[in-house]
Amino acid sequence: MGRAVPSVAAPKTREERLFSAAVLRRSFELQESRYQDGFRFVYEGVLRDLGLEEREVDEYLAAHRDEVEKVIGRRGASS
């Protein structure tokens, strides 16, 4: 039998990285304020790992808020 080759995920596109960061951010924004310190720590690490800046996520959210809201299950999101 041959050796199993571990699968490696394809690198995410910039759009996918922005979407992921935006979903994480909105999810935490909707939580109680007591989680904000932990969120900042996690969020800043995620941005660093994804090679993004907060400004980029702000701009992405401004343009794609409905998509992000829909994926996190917000009722007010457009269809």
N, C-alpha and C. Protein backbone atom coordinates (compact mmCIF):
# COMPACT_ATOMS: atom_id res chain seq x y z
N MET A 1 0.83 -1.20 0.00
CA MET A 1 0.00 0.00 0.00
C MET A 1 0.86 1.25 0.00
N GLY A 2 0.41 2.27 -0.71
CA GLY A 2 1.14 3.53 -0.76
C GLY A 2 0.90 4.35 0.49
N ARG A 3 1.78 5.27 0.70
CA ARG A 3 1.64 6.17 1.86
C ARG A 3 0.58 7.21 1.59
N ALA A 4 -0.17 7.50 2.61
CA ALA A 4 -1.18 8.55 2.49
C ALA A 4 -0.48 9.91 2.46
N VAL A 5 -0.89 10.72 1.54
CA VAL A 5 -0.35 12.06 1.42
C VAL A 5 -1.29 13.02 2.14
N PRO A 6 -0.76 13.75 3.12
CA PRO A 6 -1.64 14.69 3.83
C PRO A 6 -2.16 15.76 2.87
N SER A 7 -3.43 16.06 3.02
CA SER A 7 -4.00 17.08 2.16
C SER A 7 -3.68 18.45 2.73
N VAL A 8 -3.41 19.36 1.86
CA VAL A 8 -3.10 20.73 2.24
C VAL A 8 -4.16 21.61 1.61
N ALA A 9 -4.78 22.43 2.42
CA ALA A 9 -5.81 23.33 1.91
C ALA A 9 -5.19 24.35 0.97
N ALA A 10 -5.91 24.66 -0.07
CA ALA A 10 -5.46 25.70 -0.99
C ALA A 10 -5.45 27.04 -0.26
N PRO A 11 -4.50 27.90 -0.58
CA PRO A 11 -4.48 29.21 0.07
C PRO A 11 -5.78 29.95 -0.20
N LYS A 12 -6.24 30.68 0.78
CA LYS A 12 -7.47 31.46 0.62
C LYS A 12 -7.19 32.71 -0.19
N THR A 13 -8.19 33.10 -0.95
CA THR A 13 -8.08 34.35 -1.70
C THR A 13 -8.20 35.52 -0.72
N ARG A 14 -7.82 36.69 -1.18
CA ARG A 14 -7.96 37.89 -0.34
C ARG A 14 -9.43 38.09 0.05
N GLU A 15 -10.33 37.87 -0.90
CA GLU A 15 -11.77 38.01 -0.63
C GLU A 15 -12.22 37.05 0.47
N GLU A 16 -11.76 35.81 0.42
CA GLU A 16 -12.11 34.81 1.44
C GLU A 16 -11.54 35.19 2.81
N ARG A 17 -10.32 35.71 2.81
CA ARG A 17 -9.72 36.13 4.08
C ARG A 17 -10.49 37.31 4.68
N LEU A 18 -10.88 38.27 3.83
CA LEU A 18 -11.66 39.42 4.30
C LEU A 18 -13.02 38.97 4.84
N PHE A 19 -13.66 38.07 4.13
CA PHE A 19 -14.96 37.56 4.57
C PHE A 19 -14.84 36.87 5.93
N SER A 20 -13.82 36.03 6.09
CA SER A 20 -13.61 35.33 7.36
C SER A 20 -13.40 36.31 8.51
N ALA A 21 -12.56 37.31 8.29
CA ALA A 21 -12.29 38.30 9.33
C ALA A 21 -13.55 39.11 9.65
N ALA A 22 -14.33 39.44 8.63
CA ALA A 22 -15.56 40.21 8.84
C ALA A 22 -16.58 39.40 9.63
N VAL A 23 -16.70 38.12 9.35
CA VAL A 23 -17.63 37.26 10.10
C VAL A 23 -17.19 37.16 11.56
N LEU A 24 -15.90 36.97 11.78
CA LEU A 24 -15.40 36.90 13.15
C LEU A 24 -15.70 38.20 13.89
N ARG A 25 -15.41 39.31 13.25
CA ARG A 25 -15.63 40.61 13.90
C ARG A 25 -17.09 40.84 14.24
N ARG A 26 -17.99 40.62 13.27
CA ARG A 26 -19.42 40.84 13.54
C ARG A 26 -19.94 39.89 14.60
N SER A 27 -19.46 38.67 14.60
CA SER A 27 -19.88 37.70 15.62
C SER A 27 -19.54 38.21 17.02
N PHE A 28 -18.33 38.73 17.17
CA PHE A 28 -17.93 39.25 18.48
C PHE A 28 -18.63 40.56 18.81
N GLU A 29 -18.89 41.39 17.81
CA GLU A 29 -19.60 42.65 18.07
C GLU A 29 -20.99 42.38 18.64
N LEU A 30 -21.57 41.28 18.30
CA LEU A 30 -22.92 40.94 18.75
C LEU A 30 -22.93 40.26 20.11
N GLN A 31 -21.77 39.98 20.66
CA GLN A 31 -21.67 39.35 21.98
C GLN A 31 -21.70 40.42 23.07
N GLU A 32 -21.81 39.95 24.29
CA GLU A 32 -21.78 40.86 25.44
C GLU A 32 -20.43 41.56 25.51
N SER A 33 -20.42 42.77 26.04
CA SER A 33 -19.20 43.57 26.09
C SER A 33 -18.10 42.95 26.95
N ARG A 34 -18.44 42.05 27.84
CA ARG A 34 -17.41 41.44 28.70
C ARG A 34 -16.40 40.61 27.90
N TYR A 35 -16.72 40.29 26.65
CA TYR A 35 -15.81 39.50 25.82
C TYR A 35 -14.90 40.36 24.96
N GLN A 36 -15.03 41.67 25.03
CA GLN A 36 -14.30 42.55 24.11
C GLN A 36 -12.79 42.47 24.24
N ASP A 37 -12.25 42.37 25.45
CA ASP A 37 -10.80 42.29 25.61
C ASP A 37 -10.26 41.03 24.95
N GLY A 38 -10.92 39.91 25.18
CA GLY A 38 -10.51 38.66 24.55
C GLY A 38 -10.65 38.73 23.05
N PHE A 39 -11.72 39.37 22.59
CA PHE A 39 -11.92 39.52 21.16
C PHE A 39 -10.77 40.27 20.51
N ARG A 40 -10.38 41.39 21.09
CA ARG A 40 -9.30 42.21 20.50
C ARG A 40 -8.04 41.37 20.34
N PHE A 41 -7.73 40.59 21.35
CA PHE A 41 -6.53 39.75 21.30
C PHE A 41 -6.64 38.75 20.15
N VAL A 42 -7.77 38.05 20.07
CA VAL A 42 -7.97 37.05 19.02
C VAL A 42 -8.02 37.72 17.64
N TYR A 43 -8.79 38.77 17.54
CA TYR A 43 -8.99 39.45 16.26
C TYR A 43 -7.67 39.98 15.69
N GLU A 44 -6.87 40.62 16.52
CA GLU A 44 -5.59 41.15 16.05
C GLU A 44 -4.68 40.02 15.57
N GLY A 45 -4.72 38.87 16.25
CA GLY A 45 -3.93 37.72 15.81
C GLY A 45 -4.43 37.17 14.49
N VAL A 46 -5.74 37.13 14.33
CA VAL A 46 -6.33 36.64 13.07
C VAL A 46 -5.95 37.57 11.92
N LEU A 47 -6.06 38.87 12.14
CA LEU A 47 -5.68 39.82 11.09
C LEU A 47 -4.21 39.63 10.71
N ARG A 48 -3.36 39.47 11.69
CA ARG A 48 -1.94 39.26 11.43
C ARG A 48 -1.73 37.97 10.63
N ASP A 49 -2.39 36.89 11.06
CA ASP A 49 -2.25 35.60 10.37
C ASP A 49 -2.77 35.66 8.94
N LEU A 50 -3.82 36.43 8.72
CA LEU A 50 -4.42 36.53 7.39
C LEU A 50 -3.76 37.60 6.51
N GLY A 51 -2.85 38.36 7.10
CA GLY A 51 -2.17 39.41 6.35
C GLY A 51 -3.08 40.57 6.00
N LEU A 52 -4.00 40.89 6.92
CA LEU A 52 -4.97 41.97 6.68
C LEU A 52 -4.81 43.07 7.71
N GLU A 53 -5.34 44.24 7.36
CA GLU A 53 -5.40 45.36 8.30
C GLU A 53 -6.85 45.62 8.65
N GLU A 54 -7.08 46.16 9.83
CA GLU A 54 -8.44 46.42 10.28
C GLU A 54 -9.20 47.33 9.31
N ARG A 55 -8.51 48.30 8.75
CA ARG A 55 -9.12 49.22 7.78
C ARG A 55 -9.71 48.44 6.60
N GLU A 56 -9.00 47.42 6.15
CA GLU A 56 -9.49 46.61 5.03
C GLU A 56 -10.78 45.88 5.39
N VAL A 57 -10.84 45.38 6.62
CA VAL A 57 -12.04 44.68 7.08
C VAL A 57 -13.19 45.68 7.22
N ASP A 58 -12.91 46.88 7.72
CA ASP A 58 -13.93 47.93 7.80
C ASP A 58 -14.53 48.20 6.42
N GLU A 59 -13.67 48.36 5.43
CA GLU A 59 -14.13 48.63 4.07
C GLU A 59 -14.93 47.45 3.52
N TYR A 60 -14.46 46.25 3.78
CA TYR A 60 -15.16 45.05 3.31
C TYR A 60 -16.55 44.98 3.94
N LEU A 61 -16.63 45.21 5.25
CA LEU A 61 -17.92 45.18 5.93
C LEU A 61 -18.88 46.23 5.39
N ALA A 62 -18.36 47.40 5.08
CA ALA A 62 -19.21 48.45 4.54
C ALA A 62 -19.84 48.03 3.21
N ALA A 63 -19.11 47.27 2.43
CA ALA A 63 -19.60 46.86 1.12
C ALA A 63 -20.36 45.53 1.12
N HIS A 64 -20.14 44.69 2.15
CA HIS A 64 -20.69 43.33 2.14
C HIS A 64 -21.43 42.96 3.43
N ARG A 65 -21.95 43.96 4.12
CA ARG A 65 -22.58 43.70 5.42
C ARG A 65 -23.72 42.68 5.33
N ASP A 66 -24.55 42.77 4.32
CA ASP A 66 -25.68 41.83 4.20
C ASP A 66 -25.21 40.38 4.11
N GLU A 67 -24.16 40.14 3.32
CA GLU A 67 -23.63 38.77 3.19
C GLU A 67 -23.12 38.26 4.53
N VAL A 68 -22.40 39.12 5.24
CA VAL A 68 -21.84 38.73 6.53
C VAL A 68 -22.95 38.48 7.54
N GLU A 69 -23.92 39.37 7.58
CA GLU A 69 -25.05 39.21 8.51
C GLU A 69 -25.81 37.92 8.22
N LYS A 70 -25.97 37.61 6.96
CA LYS A 70 -26.70 36.40 6.59
C LYS A 70 -25.98 35.15 7.08
N VAL A 71 -24.68 35.10 6.93
CA VAL A 71 -23.94 33.90 7.30
C VAL A 71 -23.90 33.71 8.82
N ILE A 72 -24.01 34.78 9.59
CA ILE A 72 -24.04 34.61 11.04
C ILE A 72 -25.45 34.49 11.59
N GLY A 73 -26.42 34.49 10.67
CA GLY A 73 -27.80 34.22 11.07
C GLY A 73 -28.58 35.39 11.59
N ARG A 74 -28.18 36.59 11.22
CA ARG A 74 -28.93 37.78 11.61
C ARG A 74 -30.22 37.84 10.81
N ARG A 75 -31.33 38.01 11.49
CA ARG A 75 -32.64 37.97 10.84
C ARG A 75 -32.86 39.14 9.88
N GLY A 76 -32.27 40.28 10.15
CA GLY A 76 -32.52 41.45 9.32
C GLY A 76 -31.78 41.47 8.00
N ALA A 77 -30.94 40.46 7.76
CA ALA A 77 -30.17 40.45 6.52
C ALA A 77 -31.08 40.28 5.32
N SER A 78 -30.73 40.95 4.23
CA SER A 78 -31.52 40.86 2.99
C SER A 78 -31.36 39.49 2.37
N SER A 79 -32.34 39.07 1.58
CA SER A 79 -32.24 37.78 0.87
C SER A 79 -31.45 37.92 -0.39
